[in-house]
PDB file of all heavy atoms in Angstrom:
ATOM      1  N   TRP A   1      -8.809 -11.213  -5.101  1.00  0.00           N
ATOM      2  CA  TRP A   1      -8.209 -10.086  -4.359  1.00  0.00           C
ATOM      3  C   TRP A   1      -7.718 -10.587  -3.021  1.00  0.00           C
ATOM      4  O   TRP A   1      -8.232 -11.574  -2.512  1.00  0.00           O
ATOM      5  CB  TRP A   1      -9.211  -8.934  -4.199  1.00  0.00           C
ATOM      6  CG  TRP A   1     -10.338  -9.231  -3.247  1.00  0.00           C
ATOM      7  CD1 TRP A   1     -11.413 -10.032  -3.466  1.00  0.00           C
ATOM      8  CD2 TRP A   1     -10.512  -8.677  -1.913  1.00  0.00           C
ATOM      9  NE1 TRP A   1     -12.251 -10.063  -2.371  1.00  0.00           N
ATOM     10  CE2 TRP A   1     -11.726  -9.218  -1.397  1.00  0.00           C
ATOM     11  CE3 TRP A   1      -9.805  -7.829  -1.145  1.00  0.00           C
ATOM     12  CZ2 TRP A   1     -12.191  -8.913  -0.141  1.00  0.00           C
ATOM     13  CZ3 TRP A   1     -10.263  -7.502   0.145  1.00  0.00           C
ATOM     14  CH2 TRP A   1     -11.471  -8.032   0.625  1.00  0.00           C
ATOM     15  N   SER A   2      -6.710  -9.938  -2.495  1.00  0.00           N
ATOM     16  CA  SER A   2      -6.204 -10.338  -1.162  1.00  0.00           C
ATOM     17  C   SER A   2      -5.328  -9.231  -0.583  1.00  0.00           C
ATOM     18  O   SER A   2      -5.105  -8.184  -1.222  1.00  0.00           O
ATOM     19  CB  SER A   2      -5.427 -11.653  -1.271  1.00  0.00           C
ATOM     20  OG  SER A   2      -5.266 -12.240   0.027  1.00  0.00           O
ATOM     21  N   PHE A   3      -4.880  -9.493   0.653  1.00  0.00           N
ATOM     22  CA  PHE A   3      -4.110  -8.527   1.437  1.00  0.00           C
ATOM     23  C   PHE A   3      -2.635  -8.944   1.337  1.00  0.00           C
ATOM     24  O   PHE A   3      -2.228 -10.044   1.611  1.00  0.00           O
ATOM     25  CB  PHE A   3      -4.623  -8.633   2.886  1.00  0.00           C
ATOM     26  CG  PHE A   3      -3.839  -7.804   3.895  1.00  0.00           C
ATOM     27  CD1 PHE A   3      -3.701  -6.452   3.710  1.00  0.00           C
ATOM     28  CD2 PHE A   3      -3.302  -8.397   5.021  1.00  0.00           C
ATOM     29  CE1 PHE A   3      -3.012  -5.678   4.642  1.00  0.00           C
ATOM     30  CE2 PHE A   3      -2.600  -7.645   5.946  1.00  0.00           C
ATOM     31  CZ  PHE A   3      -2.485  -6.277   5.759  1.00  0.00           C
ATOM     32  N   HIS A   4      -1.797  -7.947   0.951  1.00  0.00           N
ATOM     33  CA  HIS A   4      -0.384  -8.228   0.774  1.00  0.00           C
ATOM     34  C   HIS A   4       0.293  -8.719   2.052  1.00  0.00           C
ATOM     35  O   HIS A   4       1.219  -9.513   1.995  1.00  0.00           O
ATOM     36  CB  HIS A   4       0.342  -6.955   0.274  1.00  0.00           C
ATOM     37  CG  HIS A   4       0.005  -6.587  -1.112  1.00  0.00           C
ATOM     38  ND1 HIS A   4      -0.672  -5.436  -1.450  1.00  0.00           N
ATOM     39  CD2 HIS A   4       0.229  -7.249  -2.291  1.00  0.00           C
ATOM     40  CE1 HIS A   4      -0.810  -5.399  -2.786  1.00  0.00           C
ATOM     41  NE2 HIS A   4      -0.253  -6.460  -3.311  1.00  0.00           N
ATOM     42  N   GLY A   5      -0.162  -8.197   3.201  1.00  0.00           N
ATOM     43  CA  GLY A   5       0.491  -8.500   4.471  1.00  0.00           C
ATOM     44  C   GLY A   5       0.398  -9.969   4.844  1.00  0.00           C
ATOM     45  O   GLY A   5       1.128 -10.425   5.738  1.00  0.00           O
ATOM     46  N   TYR A   6      -0.486 -10.749   4.190  1.00  0.00           N
ATOM     47  CA  TYR A   6      -0.560 -12.183   4.472  1.00  0.00           C
ATOM     48  C   TYR A   6       0.610 -12.951   3.937  1.00  0.00           C
ATOM     49  O   TYR A   6       0.853 -14.088   4.342  1.00  0.00           O
ATOM     50  CB  TYR A   6      -1.889 -12.751   3.873  1.00  0.00           C
ATOM     51  CG  TYR A   6      -3.146 -12.296   4.568  1.00  0.00           C
ATOM     52  CD1 TYR A   6      -4.311 -12.093   3.848  1.00  0.00           C
ATOM     53  CD2 TYR A   6      -3.196 -12.098   5.951  1.00  0.00           C
ATOM     54  CE1 TYR A   6      -5.489 -11.703   4.456  1.00  0.00           C
ATOM     55  CE2 TYR A   6      -4.396 -11.700   6.560  1.00  0.00           C
ATOM     56  CZ  TYR A   6      -5.536 -11.497   5.808  1.00  0.00           C
ATOM     57  OH  TYR A   6      -6.688 -11.099   6.428  1.00  0.00           O
ATOM     58  N   ILE A   7       1.362 -12.354   2.996  1.00  0.00           N
ATOM     59  CA  ILE A   7       2.526 -13.028   2.418  1.00  0.00           C
ATOM     60  C   ILE A   7       3.719 -12.089   2.429  1.00  0.00           C
ATOM     61  O   ILE A   7       4.130 -11.556   1.379  1.00  0.00           O
ATOM     62  CB  ILE A   7       2.240 -13.555   0.973  1.00  0.00           C
ATOM     63  CG1 ILE A   7       0.914 -14.285   0.906  1.00  0.00           C
ATOM     64  CG2 ILE A   7       3.380 -14.497   0.536  1.00  0.00           C
ATOM     65  CD1 ILE A   7       0.576 -14.850  -0.443  1.00  0.00           C
ATOM     66  N   PRO A   8       4.257 -11.818   3.595  1.00  0.00           N
ATOM     67  CA  PRO A   8       5.331 -10.789   3.755  1.00  0.00           C
ATOM     68  C   PRO A   8       6.629 -11.117   2.988  1.00  0.00           C
ATOM     69  O   PRO A   8       7.317 -10.217   2.575  1.00  0.00           O
ATOM     70  CB  PRO A   8       5.571 -10.737   5.248  1.00  0.00           C
ATOM     71  CG  PRO A   8       5.093 -12.079   5.764  1.00  0.00           C
ATOM     72  CD  PRO A   8       3.953 -12.455   4.889  1.00  0.00           C
ATOM     73  N   GLY A   9       6.948 -12.372   2.807  1.00  0.00           N
ATOM     74  CA  GLY A   9       8.209 -12.697   2.118  1.00  0.00           C
ATOM     75  C   GLY A   9       8.128 -12.347   0.630  1.00  0.00           C
ATOM     76  O   GLY A   9       9.135 -11.961   0.039  1.00  0.00           O
ATOM     77  N   ARG A  10       6.984 -12.472   0.058  1.00  0.00           N
ATOM     78  CA  ARG A  10       6.828 -12.201  -1.350  1.00  0.00           C
ATOM     79  C   ARG A  10       6.617 -10.680  -1.588  1.00  0.00           C
ATOM     80  O   ARG A  10       7.209 -10.130  -2.526  1.00  0.00           O
ATOM     81  CB  ARG A  10       5.611 -12.962  -1.935  1.00  0.00           C
ATOM     82  CG  ARG A  10       5.315 -12.645  -3.393  1.00  0.00           C
ATOM     83  CD  ARG A  10       4.189 -13.516  -3.929  1.00  0.00           C
ATOM     84  NE  ARG A  10       3.917 -13.195  -5.310  1.00  0.00           N
ATOM     85  CZ  ARG A  10       2.990 -13.812  -6.054  1.00  0.00           C
ATOM     86  NH1 ARG A  10       2.257 -14.779  -5.528  1.00  0.00           N
ATOM     87  NH2 ARG A  10       2.806 -13.479  -7.326  1.00  0.00           N
ATOM     88  N   PHE A  11       5.802 -10.080  -0.778  1.00  0.00           N
ATOM     89  CA  PHE A  11       5.469  -8.671  -0.958  1.00  0.00           C
ATOM     90  C   PHE A  11       6.171  -7.815   0.084  1.00  0.00           C
ATOM     91  O   PHE A  11       5.784  -7.806   1.248  1.00  0.00           O
ATOM     92  CB  PHE A  11       3.955  -8.463  -0.902  1.00  0.00           C
ATOM     93  CG  PHE A  11       3.197  -9.236  -1.951  1.00  0.00           C
ATOM     94  CD1 PHE A  11       2.445 -10.337  -1.607  1.00  0.00           C
ATOM     95  CD2 PHE A  11       3.279  -8.871  -3.309  1.00  0.00           C
ATOM     96  CE1 PHE A  11       1.765 -11.075  -2.566  1.00  0.00           C
ATOM     97  CE2 PHE A  11       2.598  -9.597  -4.266  1.00  0.00           C
ATOM     98  CZ  PHE A  11       1.842 -10.701  -3.910  1.00  0.00           C
ATOM     99  N   LYS A  12       7.196  -7.122  -0.346  1.00  0.00           N
ATOM    100  CA  LYS A  12       7.947  -6.242   0.545  1.00  0.00           C
ATOM    101  C   LYS A  12       7.735  -4.765   0.206  1.00  0.00           C
ATOM    102  O   LYS A  12       7.577  -3.934   1.103  1.00  0.00           O
ATOM    103  CB  LYS A  12       9.427  -6.584   0.500  1.00  0.00           C
ATOM    104  CG  LYS A  12       9.782  -7.934   1.082  1.00  0.00           C
ATOM    105  CD  LYS A  12      11.335  -8.135   1.123  1.00  0.00           C
ATOM    106  CE  LYS A  12      11.663  -9.470   1.769  1.00  0.00           C
ATOM    107  NZ  LYS A  12      13.125  -9.634   1.847  1.00  0.00           N
ATOM    108  N   LEU A  13       7.764  -4.441  -1.076  1.00  0.00           N
ATOM    109  CA  LEU A  13       7.619  -3.046  -1.476  1.00  0.00           C
ATOM    110  C   LEU A  13       6.248  -2.501  -1.161  1.00  0.00           C
ATOM    111  O   LEU A  13       6.094  -1.314  -0.915  1.00  0.00           O
ATOM    112  CB  LEU A  13       7.934  -2.919  -2.977  1.00  0.00           C
ATOM    113  CG  LEU A  13       9.385  -3.138  -3.338  1.00  0.00           C
ATOM    114  CD1 LEU A  13       9.539  -3.235  -4.865  1.00  0.00           C
ATOM    115  CD2 LEU A  13      10.301  -1.997  -2.834  1.00  0.00           C
ATOM    116  N   THR A  14       5.255  -3.359  -1.159  1.00  0.00           N
ATOM    117  CA  THR A  14       3.881  -2.892  -0.904  1.00  0.00           C
ATOM    118  C   THR A  14       3.688  -2.379   0.546  1.00  0.00           C
ATOM    119  O   THR A  14       2.725  -1.682   0.831  1.00  0.00           O
ATOM    120  CB  THR A  14       2.870  -4.041  -1.157  1.00  0.00           C
ATOM    121  OG1 THR A  14       3.219  -5.161  -0.342  1.00  0.00           O
ATOM    122  CG2 THR A  14       2.875  -4.426  -2.621  1.00  0.00           C
ATOM    123  N   VAL A  15       4.628  -2.704   1.410  1.00  0.00           N
ATOM    124  CA  VAL A  15       4.606  -2.170   2.800  1.00  0.00           C
ATOM    125  C   VAL A  15       4.679  -0.651   2.789  1.00  0.00           C
ATOM    126  O   VAL A  15       4.168   0.001   3.669  1.00  0.00           O
ATOM    127  CB  VAL A  15       5.773  -2.785   3.590  1.00  0.00           C
ATOM    128  CG1 VAL A  15       5.899  -2.117   4.984  1.00  0.00           C
ATOM    129  CG2 VAL A  15       5.560  -4.295   3.799  1.00  0.00           C
ATOM    130  N   MET A  16       5.303  -0.086   1.748  1.00  0.00           N
ATOM    131  CA  MET A  16       5.379   1.386   1.608  1.00  0.00           C
ATOM    132  C   MET A  16       4.043   2.052   1.855  1.00  0.00           C
ATOM    133  O   MET A  16       3.983   3.065   2.553  1.00  0.00           O
ATOM    134  CB  MET A  16       5.850   1.734   0.166  1.00  0.00           C
ATOM    135  CG  MET A  16       5.815   3.184  -0.162  1.00  0.00           C
ATOM    136  SD  MET A  16       5.785   3.509  -1.935  1.00  0.00           S
ATOM    137  CE  MET A  16       4.042   3.078  -2.305  1.00  0.00           C
ATOM    138  N   ALA A  17       2.982   1.482   1.301  1.00  0.00           N
ATOM    139  CA  ALA A  17       1.651   2.120   1.368  1.00  0.00           C
ATOM    140  C   ALA A  17       1.017   2.008   2.747  1.00  0.00           C
ATOM    141  O   ALA A  17       0.096   2.727   3.066  1.00  0.00           O
ATOM    142  CB  ALA A  17       0.722   1.528   0.332  1.00  0.00           C
ATOM    143  N   GLU A  18       1.547   1.114   3.590  1.00  0.00           N
ATOM    144  CA  GLU A  18       0.972   0.869   4.893  1.00  0.00           C
ATOM    145  C   GLU A  18       1.645   1.663   6.021  1.00  0.00           C
ATOM    146  O   GLU A  18       1.128   1.692   7.159  1.00  0.00           O
ATOM    147  CB  GLU A  18       1.050  -0.619   5.257  1.00  0.00           C
ATOM    148  CG  GLU A  18       0.280  -1.506   4.318  1.00  0.00           C
ATOM    149  CD  GLU A  18       0.087  -2.934   4.890  1.00  0.00           C
ATOM    150  OE1 GLU A  18       0.686  -3.226   5.952  1.00  0.00           O
ATOM    151  OE2 GLU A  18      -0.634  -3.688   4.276  1.00  0.00           O
ATOM    152  N   LEU A  19       2.769   2.277   5.740  1.00  0.00           N
ATOM    153  CA  LEU A  19       3.547   2.908   6.791  1.00  0.00           C
ATOM    154  C   LEU A  19       2.704   3.971   7.534  1.00  0.00           C
ATOM    155  O   LEU A  19       1.891   4.622   6.946  1.00  0.00           O
ATOM    156  CB  LEU A  19       4.820   3.528   6.235  1.00  0.00           C
ATOM    157  CG  LEU A  19       5.831   2.487   5.713  1.00  0.00           C
ATOM    158  CD1 LEU A  19       6.967   3.176   4.963  1.00  0.00           C
ATOM    159  CD2 LEU A  19       6.369   1.639   6.855  1.00  0.00           C
ATOM    160  N   PRO A  20       2.944   4.104   8.869  1.00  0.00           N
ATOM    161  CA  PRO A  20       2.071   4.950   9.692  1.00  0.00           C
ATOM    162  C   PRO A  20       2.109   6.440   9.328  1.00  0.00           C
ATOM    163  O   PRO A  20       3.010   6.951   8.650  1.00  0.00           O
ATOM    164  CB  PRO A  20       2.687   4.754  11.085  1.00  0.00           C
ATOM    165  CG  PRO A  20       3.397   3.464  11.015  1.00  0.00           C
ATOM    166  CD  PRO A  20       3.920   3.368   9.613  1.00  0.00           C
ATOM    167  N   LEU A  21       1.034   7.113   9.807  1.00  0.00           N
ATOM    168  CA  LEU A  21       0.920   8.578   9.769  1.00  0.00           C
ATOM    169  C   LEU A  21       0.897   9.162   8.381  1.00  0.00           C
ATOM    170  O   LEU A  21       1.450  10.234   8.134  1.00  0.00           O
ATOM    171  CB  LEU A  21       2.080   9.178  10.621  1.00  0.00           C
ATOM    172  CG  LEU A  21       2.251   8.642  12.014  1.00  0.00           C
ATOM    173  CD1 LEU A  21       3.480   9.245  12.699  1.00  0.00           C
ATOM    174  CD2 LEU A  21       1.024   8.847  12.843  1.00  0.00           C
ATOM    175  N   LEU A  22       0.217   8.478   7.446  1.00  0.00           N
ATOM    176  CA  LEU A  22       0.130   8.978   6.084  1.00  0.00           C
ATOM    177  C   LEU A  22      -0.683  10.295   6.011  1.00  0.00           C
ATOM    178  O   LEU A  22      -0.367  11.153   5.231  1.00  0.00           O
ATOM    179  CB  LEU A  22      -0.512   7.911   5.175  1.00  0.00           C
ATOM    180  CG  LEU A  22      -0.682   8.327   3.702  1.00  0.00           C
ATOM    181  CD1 LEU A  22       0.643   8.611   3.082  1.00  0.00           C
ATOM    182  CD2 LEU A  22      -1.438   7.227   2.965  1.00  0.00           C
ATOM    183  N   GLY A  23      -1.711  10.383   6.808  1.00  0.00           N
ATOM    184  CA  GLY A  23      -2.542  11.576   6.770  1.00  0.00           C
ATOM    185  C   GLY A  23      -3.449  11.645   5.597  1.00  0.00           C
ATOM    186  O   GLY A  23      -3.757  12.760   5.090  1.00  0.00           O
ATOM    187  N   ALA A  24      -3.902  10.526   5.128  1.00  0.00           N
ATOM    188  CA  ALA A  24      -4.834  10.484   3.969  1.00  0.00           C
ATOM    189  C   ALA A  24      -5.767   9.297   4.169  1.00  0.00           C
ATOM    190  O   ALA A  24      -5.445   8.310   4.806  1.00  0.00           O
ATOM    191  CB  ALA A  24      -4.061  10.335   2.642  1.00  0.00           C
ATOM    192  N   GLY A  25      -6.961   9.443   3.573  1.00  0.00           N
ATOM    193  CA  GLY A  25      -7.951   8.372   3.662  1.00  0.00           C
ATOM    194  C   GLY A  25      -7.752   7.359   2.573  1.00  0.00           C
ATOM    195  O   GLY A  25      -6.865   7.420   1.723  1.00  0.00           O
ATOM    196  N   ALA A  26      -8.672   6.383   2.495  1.00  0.00           N
ATOM    197  CA  ALA A  26      -8.531   5.269   1.585  1.00  0.00           C
ATOM    198  C   ALA A  26      -8.586   5.678   0.127  1.00  0.00           C
ATOM    199  O   ALA A  26      -7.821   5.160  -0.695  1.00  0.00           O
ATOM    200  CB  ALA A  26      -9.638   4.238   1.878  1.00  0.00           C
ATOM    201  N   GLN A  27      -9.432   6.618  -0.219  1.00  0.00           N
ATOM    202  CA  GLN A  27      -9.596   6.996  -1.639  1.00  0.00           C
ATOM    203  C   GLN A  27      -8.331   7.704  -2.148  1.00  0.00           C
ATOM    204  O   GLN A  27      -7.757   7.360  -3.195  1.00  0.00           O
ATOM    205  CB  GLN A  27     -10.806   7.877  -1.858  1.00  0.00           C
ATOM    206  CG  GLN A  27     -10.979   8.290  -3.322  1.00  0.00           C
ATOM    207  CD  GLN A  27     -12.245   9.082  -3.575  1.00  0.00           C
ATOM    208  OE1 GLN A  27     -13.215   8.949  -2.843  1.00  0.00           O
ATOM    209  NE2 GLN A  27     -12.290   9.854  -4.648  1.00  0.00           N
ATOM    210  N   ALA A  28      -7.869   8.724  -1.440  1.00  0.00           N
ATOM    211  CA  ALA A  28      -6.704   9.456  -1.858  1.00  0.00           C
ATOM    212  C   ALA A  28      -5.472   8.568  -1.875  1.00  0.00           C
ATOM    213  O   ALA A  28      -4.662   8.610  -2.812  1.00  0.00           O
ATOM    214  CB  ALA A  28      -6.443  10.640  -0.924  1.00  0.00           C
ATOM    215  N   ALA A  29      -5.360   7.709  -0.876  1.00  0.00           N
ATOM    216  CA  ALA A  29      -4.206   6.802  -0.776  1.00  0.00           C
ATOM    217  C   ALA A  29      -4.174   5.808  -1.926  1.00  0.00           C
ATOM    218  O   ALA A  29      -3.159   5.491  -2.467  1.00  0.00           O
ATOM    219  CB  ALA A  29      -4.201   6.115   0.572  1.00  0.00           C
ATOM    220  N   SER A  30      -5.377   5.270  -2.284  1.00  0.00           N
ATOM    221  CA  SER A  30      -5.458   4.256  -3.329  1.00  0.00           C
ATOM    222  C   SER A  30      -5.081   4.839  -4.703  1.00  0.00           C
ATOM    223  O   SER A  30      -4.389   4.186  -5.478  1.00  0.00           O
ATOM    224  CB  SER A  30      -6.893   3.692  -3.370  1.00  0.00           C
ATOM    225  OG  SER A  30      -7.207   3.040  -2.157  1.00  0.00           O
ATOM    226  N   THR A  31      -5.546   6.055  -4.982  1.00  0.00           N
ATOM    227  CA  THR A  31      -5.177   6.692  -6.261  1.00  0.00           C
ATOM    228  C   THR A  31      -3.653   6.880  -6.326  1.00  0.00           C
ATOM    229  O   THR A  31      -3.028   6.612  -7.339  1.00  0.00           O
ATOM    230  CB  THR A  31      -5.909   8.037  -6.406  1.00  0.00           C
ATOM    231  OG1 THR A  31      -7.296   7.854  -6.258  1.00  0.00           O
ATOM    232  CG2 THR A  31      -5.640   8.661  -7.762  1.00  0.00           C
ATOM    233  N   ALA A  32      -3.118   7.433  -5.241  1.00  0.00           N
ATOM    234  CA  ALA A  32      -1.670   7.708  -5.181  1.00  0.00           C
ATOM    235  C   ALA A  32      -0.891   6.392  -5.255  1.00  0.00           C
ATOM    236  O   ALA A  32       0.189   6.359  -5.850  1.00  0.00           O
ATOM    237  CB  ALA A  32      -1.352   8.443  -3.898  1.00  0.00           C
ATOM    238  N   TYR A  33      -1.421   5.337  -4.672  1.00  0.00           N
ATOM    239  CA  TYR A  33      -0.748   4.056  -4.613  1.00  0.00           C
ATOM    240  C   TYR A  33      -0.555   3.486  -6.030  1.00  0.00           C
ATOM    241  O   TYR A  33       0.546   3.084  -6.402  1.00  0.00           O
ATOM    242  CB  TYR A  33      -1.608   3.077  -3.775  1.00  0.00           C
ATOM    243  CG  TYR A  33      -0.936   1.781  -3.418  1.00  0.00           C
ATOM    244  CD1 TYR A  33       0.413   1.547  -3.555  1.00  0.00           C
ATOM    245  CD2 TYR A  33      -1.695   0.786  -2.808  1.00  0.00           C
ATOM    246  CE1 TYR A  33       0.986   0.342  -3.176  1.00  0.00           C
ATOM    247  CE2 TYR A  33      -1.138  -0.433  -2.440  1.00  0.00           C
ATOM    248  CZ  TYR A  33       0.209  -0.660  -2.627  1.00  0.00           C
ATOM    249  OH  TYR A  33       0.774  -1.828  -2.233  1.00  0.00           O
ATOM    250  N   TRP A  34      -1.615   3.522  -6.838  1.00  0.00           N
ATOM    251  CA  TRP A  34      -1.492   2.998  -8.199  1.00  0.00           C
ATOM    252  C   TRP A  34      -0.448   3.795  -8.992  1.00  0.00           C
ATOM    253  O   TRP A  34       0.396   3.228  -9.682  1.00  0.00           O
ATOM    254  CB  TRP A  34      -2.842   3.032  -8.921  1.00  0.00           C
ATOM    255  CG  TRP A  34      -2.716   2.464 -10.320  1.00  0.00           C
ATOM    256  CD1 TRP A  34      -2.535   3.185 -11.455  1.00  0.00           C
ATOM    257  CD2 TRP A  34      -2.724   1.076 -10.679  1.00  0.00           C
ATOM    258  NE1 TRP A  34      -2.410   2.287 -12.537  1.00  0.00           N
ATOM    259  CE2 TRP A  34      -2.529   1.028 -12.078  1.00  0.00           C
ATOM    260  CE3 TRP A  34      -2.899  -0.116  -9.936  1.00  0.00           C
ATOM    261  CZ2 TRP A  34      -2.491  -0.196 -12.774  1.00  0.00           C
ATOM    262  CZ3 TRP A  34      -2.834  -1.318 -10.648  1.00  0.00           C
ATOM    263  CH2 TRP A  34      -2.624  -1.346 -12.034  1.00  0.00           C
ATOM    264  N   GLU A  35      -0.525   5.115  -8.863  1.00  0.00           N
ATOM    265  CA  GLU A  35       0.430   5.959  -9.632  1.00  0.00           C
ATOM    266  C   GLU A  35       1.863   5.681  -9.198  1.00  0.00           C
ATOM    267  O   GLU A  35       2.754   5.578 -10.065  1.00  0.00           O
ATOM    268  CB  GLU A  35       0.072   7.424  -9.410  1.00  0.00           C
ATOM    269  CG  GLU A  35      -1.246   7.856 -10.025  1.00  0.00           C
ATOM    270  CD  GLU A  35      -1.580   9.312  -9.738  1.00  0.00           C
ATOM    271  OE1 GLU A  35      -1.029   9.865  -8.781  1.00  0.00           O
ATOM    272  OE2 GLU A  35      -2.424   9.878 -10.466  1.00  0.00           O
ATOM    273  N   THR A  36       2.110   5.614  -7.914  1.00  0.00           N
ATOM    274  CA  THR A  36       3.440   5.382  -7.399  1.00  0.00           C
ATOM    275  C   THR A  36       3.949   4.003  -7.752  1.00  0.00           C
ATOM    276  O   THR A  36       5.119   3.792  -8.078  1.00  0.00           O
ATOM    277  CB  THR A  36       3.500   5.586  -5.873  1.00  0.00           C
ATOM    278  OG1 THR A  36       2.872   6.803  -5.517  1.00  0.00           O
ATOM    279  CG2 THR A  36       4.908   5.569  -5.363  1.00  0.00           C
ATOM    280  N   TYR A  37       3.059   3.022  -7.705  1.00  0.00           N
ATOM    281  CA  TYR A  37       3.422   1.669  -8.075  1.00  0.00           C
ATOM    282  C   TYR A  37       3.909   1.604  -9.510  1.00  0.00           C
ATOM    283  O   TYR A  37       4.959   1.023  -9.814  1.00  0.00           O
ATOM    284  CB  TYR A  37       2.234   0.696  -7.865  1.00  0.00           C
ATOM    285  CG  TYR A  37       2.564  -0.742  -8.216  1.00  0.00           C
ATOM    286  CD1 TYR A  37       3.153  -1.568  -7.268  1.00  0.00           C
ATOM    287  CD2 TYR A  37       2.356  -1.206  -9.501  1.00  0.00           C
ATOM    288  CE1 TYR A  37       3.478  -2.884  -7.586  1.00  0.00           C
ATOM    289  CE2 TYR A  37       2.666  -2.534  -9.833  1.00  0.00           C
ATOM    290  CZ  TYR A  37       3.236  -3.341  -8.874  1.00  0.00           C
ATOM    291  OH  TYR A  37       3.566  -4.619  -9.214  1.00  0.00           O
ATOM    292  N   GLU A  38       3.132   2.181 -10.427  1.00  0.00           N
ATOM    293  CA  GLU A  38       3.506   2.134 -11.809  1.00  0.00           C
ATOM    294  C   GLU A  38       4.844   2.843 -12.063  1.00  0.00           C
ATOM    295  O   GLU A  38       5.638   2.394 -12.885  1.00  0.00           O
ATOM    296  CB  GLU A  38       2.406   2.814 -12.660  1.00  0.00           C
ATOM    297  CG  GLU A  38       1.169   1.961 -12.889  1.00  0.00           C
ATOM    298  CD  GLU A  38       0.395   2.414 -14.103  1.00  0.00           C
ATOM    299  OE1 GLU A  38       0.059   3.647 -14.150  1.00  0.00           O
ATOM    300  OE2 GLU A  38       0.085   1.608 -14.961  1.00  0.00           O
TER     301      GLU A  38
END
């Protein structure tokens, strides 16, 4: 496992999940993240 931000050139779309002011905690965001990614 690792953090996408350590390799910004390879991982660009994953920045979507990090953008400020989401208004959700880790659990809700993680569930939504997998669904949106797929």
